[in-house]
N, C-alpha and C. Protein backbone atom coordinates (compact mmCIF):
# COMPACT_ATOMS: atom_id res chain seq x y z
N MET A 1 -18.48 109.22 21.19
CA MET A 1 -17.77 108.94 22.40
C MET A 1 -16.54 109.85 22.51
N PHE A 2 -15.38 109.28 22.22
CA PHE A 2 -14.16 110.07 22.33
C PHE A 2 -13.90 110.77 21.01
N ARG A 3 -13.62 112.01 21.14
CA ARG A 3 -13.34 112.79 19.94
C ARG A 3 -11.90 113.28 20.01
N ILE A 4 -11.05 112.65 19.24
CA ILE A 4 -9.64 113.01 19.25
C ILE A 4 -9.38 113.90 18.04
N HIS A 5 -8.80 115.03 18.30
CA HIS A 5 -8.52 115.97 17.23
C HIS A 5 -7.18 115.63 16.58
N LYS A 6 -7.11 115.85 15.27
CA LYS A 6 -5.88 115.58 14.53
C LYS A 6 -4.73 116.42 15.07
N LYS A 7 -5.02 117.64 15.49
CA LYS A 7 -3.98 118.53 16.00
C LYS A 7 -3.34 117.95 17.26
N LYS A 8 -4.13 117.36 18.15
CA LYS A 8 -3.61 116.76 19.37
C LYS A 8 -2.73 115.56 19.05
N ILE A 9 -3.14 114.77 18.07
CA ILE A 9 -2.35 113.61 17.67
C ILE A 9 -1.01 114.06 17.09
N ILE A 10 -1.04 115.07 16.24
CA ILE A 10 0.19 115.58 15.65
C ILE A 10 1.12 116.12 16.72
N ILE A 11 0.59 116.87 17.68
CA ILE A 11 1.40 117.41 18.78
C ILE A 11 2.02 116.27 19.59
N PHE A 12 1.23 115.25 19.89
CA PHE A 12 1.73 114.10 20.63
C PHE A 12 2.86 113.40 19.88
N VAL A 13 2.69 113.18 18.58
CA VAL A 13 3.71 112.51 17.77
C VAL A 13 4.99 113.35 17.71
N VAL A 14 4.86 114.65 17.55
CA VAL A 14 6.03 115.54 17.50
C VAL A 14 6.77 115.50 18.83
N ILE A 15 6.06 115.56 19.94
CA ILE A 15 6.69 115.50 21.26
C ILE A 15 7.38 114.15 21.45
N LEU A 16 6.75 113.09 21.03
CA LEU A 16 7.34 111.75 21.13
C LEU A 16 8.62 111.66 20.31
N ILE A 17 8.62 112.20 19.10
CA ILE A 17 9.81 112.19 18.26
C ILE A 17 10.94 112.98 18.91
N ILE A 18 10.61 114.13 19.49
CA ILE A 18 11.62 114.96 20.16
C ILE A 18 12.22 114.22 21.35
N VAL A 19 11.38 113.57 22.15
CA VAL A 19 11.87 112.83 23.32
C VAL A 19 12.78 111.69 22.89
N VAL A 20 12.40 110.95 21.87
CA VAL A 20 13.22 109.84 21.37
C VAL A 20 14.54 110.38 20.83
N PHE A 21 14.51 111.49 20.11
CA PHE A 21 15.72 112.10 19.57
C PHE A 21 16.66 112.54 20.69
N VAL A 22 16.13 113.23 21.70
CA VAL A 22 16.96 113.70 22.81
C VAL A 22 17.56 112.53 23.56
N PHE A 23 16.77 111.48 23.80
CA PHE A 23 17.29 110.29 24.46
C PHE A 23 18.40 109.65 23.63
N GLY A 24 18.22 109.56 22.33
CA GLY A 24 19.22 108.97 21.45
C GLY A 24 20.53 109.76 21.46
N VAL A 25 20.43 111.07 21.42
CA VAL A 25 21.63 111.91 21.46
C VAL A 25 22.34 111.74 22.79
N PHE A 26 21.58 111.73 23.89
CA PHE A 26 22.17 111.54 25.22
C PHE A 26 22.89 110.20 25.31
N GLU A 27 22.27 109.14 24.81
CA GLU A 27 22.89 107.81 24.84
C GLU A 27 24.15 107.77 23.98
N PHE A 28 24.10 108.41 22.82
CA PHE A 28 25.26 108.44 21.93
C PHE A 28 26.46 109.06 22.64
N PHE A 29 26.27 110.23 23.24
CA PHE A 29 27.38 110.90 23.89
C PHE A 29 27.81 110.20 25.19
N SER A 30 26.86 109.59 25.89
CA SER A 30 27.21 108.83 27.10
C SER A 30 28.09 107.62 26.75
N LEU A 31 27.70 106.90 25.72
CA LEU A 31 28.50 105.74 25.29
C LEU A 31 29.85 106.17 24.73
N ARG A 32 29.86 107.26 24.01
CA ARG A 32 31.12 107.76 23.47
C ARG A 32 32.10 108.08 24.60
N LYS A 33 31.58 108.73 25.64
CA LYS A 33 32.42 109.06 26.80
C LYS A 33 32.86 107.79 27.51
N ALA A 34 31.95 106.83 27.69
CA ALA A 34 32.27 105.59 28.40
C ALA A 34 33.40 104.83 27.71
N HIS A 35 33.38 104.75 26.40
CA HIS A 35 34.38 104.00 25.66
C HIS A 35 35.72 104.73 25.54
N SER A 36 35.78 106.00 25.90
CA SER A 36 36.97 106.81 25.64
C SER A 36 38.16 106.49 26.54
N THR A 37 37.94 106.11 27.80
CA THR A 37 39.05 105.80 28.71
C THR A 37 38.73 104.56 29.52
N PHE A 38 39.77 103.94 30.03
CA PHE A 38 39.58 102.76 30.88
C PHE A 38 38.76 103.13 32.12
N GLU A 39 39.08 104.26 32.73
CA GLU A 39 38.39 104.68 33.96
C GLU A 39 36.91 104.91 33.70
N ASN A 40 36.58 105.54 32.59
CA ASN A 40 35.16 105.77 32.27
C ASN A 40 34.43 104.46 32.04
N TYR A 41 35.07 103.53 31.30
CA TYR A 41 34.41 102.26 31.02
C TYR A 41 34.31 101.40 32.28
N TYR A 42 35.32 101.48 33.13
CA TYR A 42 35.31 100.80 34.42
C TYR A 42 34.07 101.23 35.22
N THR A 43 33.82 102.51 35.25
CA THR A 43 32.65 103.04 35.96
C THR A 43 31.36 102.65 35.26
N PHE A 44 31.34 102.74 33.94
CA PHE A 44 30.17 102.41 33.14
C PHE A 44 29.73 100.96 33.38
N ARG A 45 30.68 100.05 33.55
CA ARG A 45 30.39 98.64 33.78
C ARG A 45 30.18 98.29 35.25
N ASN A 46 30.08 99.30 36.11
CA ASN A 46 29.83 99.12 37.55
C ASN A 46 30.88 98.27 38.24
N CYS A 47 32.13 98.49 37.90
CA CYS A 47 33.21 97.78 38.57
C CYS A 47 33.43 98.39 39.96
N SER A 48 33.69 97.54 40.91
CA SER A 48 33.92 98.01 42.28
C SER A 48 35.37 97.84 42.72
N ARG A 49 36.10 96.94 42.02
CA ARG A 49 37.49 96.69 42.41
C ARG A 49 38.30 96.30 41.19
N LEU A 50 39.44 96.96 41.03
CA LEU A 50 40.35 96.65 39.94
C LEU A 50 41.22 95.47 40.35
N LEU A 51 41.26 94.45 39.51
CA LEU A 51 42.06 93.26 39.81
C LEU A 51 43.41 93.28 39.09
N ALA A 52 43.42 93.75 37.85
CA ALA A 52 44.66 93.84 37.08
C ALA A 52 44.41 94.76 35.89
N LYS A 53 45.49 95.45 35.45
CA LYS A 53 45.35 96.34 34.29
C LYS A 53 46.68 96.48 33.57
N THR A 54 46.59 96.43 32.23
CA THR A 54 47.73 96.76 31.37
C THR A 54 47.28 97.90 30.46
N ASP A 55 48.09 98.21 29.47
CA ASP A 55 47.69 99.26 28.53
C ASP A 55 46.56 98.83 27.60
N ASP A 56 46.37 97.53 27.42
CA ASP A 56 45.39 97.02 26.46
C ASP A 56 44.22 96.26 27.05
N PHE A 57 44.27 95.89 28.30
CA PHE A 57 43.15 95.18 28.93
C PHE A 57 43.22 95.33 30.44
N GLY A 58 42.11 94.99 31.08
CA GLY A 58 42.06 95.02 32.52
C GLY A 58 40.98 94.08 33.02
N PHE A 59 41.11 93.61 34.25
CA PHE A 59 40.12 92.77 34.90
C PHE A 59 39.58 93.52 36.10
N CYS A 60 38.27 93.46 36.28
CA CYS A 60 37.68 94.09 37.46
C CYS A 60 36.56 93.24 38.02
N GLU A 61 36.26 93.49 39.26
CA GLU A 61 35.14 92.81 39.91
C GLU A 61 33.97 93.79 39.93
N THR A 62 32.81 93.31 39.49
CA THR A 62 31.63 94.17 39.47
C THR A 62 31.00 94.21 40.86
N LYS A 63 30.08 95.13 41.03
CA LYS A 63 29.39 95.26 42.32
C LYS A 63 28.58 94.01 42.66
N SER A 64 28.19 93.24 41.63
CA SER A 64 27.44 92.01 41.88
C SER A 64 28.36 90.81 42.13
N GLY A 65 29.69 91.02 42.05
CA GLY A 65 30.62 89.95 42.36
C GLY A 65 31.22 89.25 41.16
N GLY A 66 30.77 89.57 39.96
CA GLY A 66 31.32 88.95 38.76
C GLY A 66 32.66 89.57 38.38
N ILE A 67 33.46 88.80 37.68
CA ILE A 67 34.75 89.30 37.20
C ILE A 67 34.64 89.44 35.68
N ILE A 68 34.99 90.64 35.18
CA ILE A 68 34.89 90.89 33.76
C ILE A 68 36.22 91.40 33.23
N LYS A 69 36.42 91.20 31.93
CA LYS A 69 37.63 91.66 31.26
C LYS A 69 37.26 92.82 30.34
N LEU A 70 37.96 93.93 30.49
CA LEU A 70 37.78 95.09 29.64
C LEU A 70 38.96 95.14 28.68
N VAL A 71 38.69 95.34 27.39
CA VAL A 71 39.75 95.32 26.40
C VAL A 71 39.74 96.61 25.57
N LYS A 72 40.92 96.98 25.09
CA LYS A 72 41.07 98.16 24.26
C LYS A 72 41.15 97.74 22.80
N ILE A 73 40.22 98.24 21.99
CA ILE A 73 40.18 97.93 20.56
C ILE A 73 40.07 99.26 19.82
N ASP A 74 40.99 99.52 18.92
CA ASP A 74 41.00 100.77 18.15
C ASP A 74 40.92 101.99 19.04
N ASN A 75 41.68 101.96 20.13
CA ASN A 75 41.78 103.07 21.08
C ASN A 75 40.48 103.37 21.82
N LYS A 76 39.58 102.38 21.90
CA LYS A 76 38.34 102.49 22.67
C LYS A 76 38.23 101.26 23.57
N TRP A 77 37.55 101.40 24.69
CA TRP A 77 37.41 100.31 25.65
C TRP A 77 36.07 99.61 25.50
N PHE A 78 36.10 98.27 25.60
CA PHE A 78 34.92 97.43 25.45
C PHE A 78 34.98 96.27 26.43
N LEU A 79 33.83 95.66 26.66
CA LEU A 79 33.77 94.40 27.38
C LEU A 79 34.31 93.33 26.44
N ASP A 80 35.16 92.45 26.93
CA ASP A 80 35.75 91.41 26.10
C ASP A 80 34.65 90.64 25.37
N GLY A 81 34.75 90.58 24.06
CA GLY A 81 33.75 89.88 23.24
C GLY A 81 32.67 90.78 22.70
N ASP A 82 32.63 92.06 23.13
CA ASP A 82 31.59 92.99 22.67
C ASP A 82 32.13 94.11 21.81
N GLY A 83 33.33 93.98 21.31
CA GLY A 83 33.94 95.05 20.54
C GLY A 83 33.28 95.23 19.18
N PRO A 84 33.74 96.23 18.45
CA PRO A 84 33.17 96.49 17.11
C PRO A 84 33.45 95.32 16.17
N GLY A 85 32.47 95.00 15.36
CA GLY A 85 32.64 93.92 14.40
C GLY A 85 32.42 92.54 14.98
N VAL A 86 32.05 92.44 16.26
CA VAL A 86 31.80 91.14 16.89
C VAL A 86 30.30 90.86 16.82
N TRP A 87 29.95 89.83 16.06
CA TRP A 87 28.52 89.50 15.96
C TRP A 87 28.35 88.07 16.24
């Protein structure tokens, strides 16, 4: 019936690994940029309106109408409760 060659399988696996690697690198740098400033994280979280902001936290309204708190931890911005070491 179907005759699949080992070479085709190897090529497929290599292409799949490359795609996953490129996606992973893109996500790493995208998240790194998002966490770097309040403005970047505000955009990353789809905020539409700033409600309040200090040097260490801010509140914004999302495009869906929810209100979220963004906090600064170790000079990076996170959603309140999602910072590093929070499990």
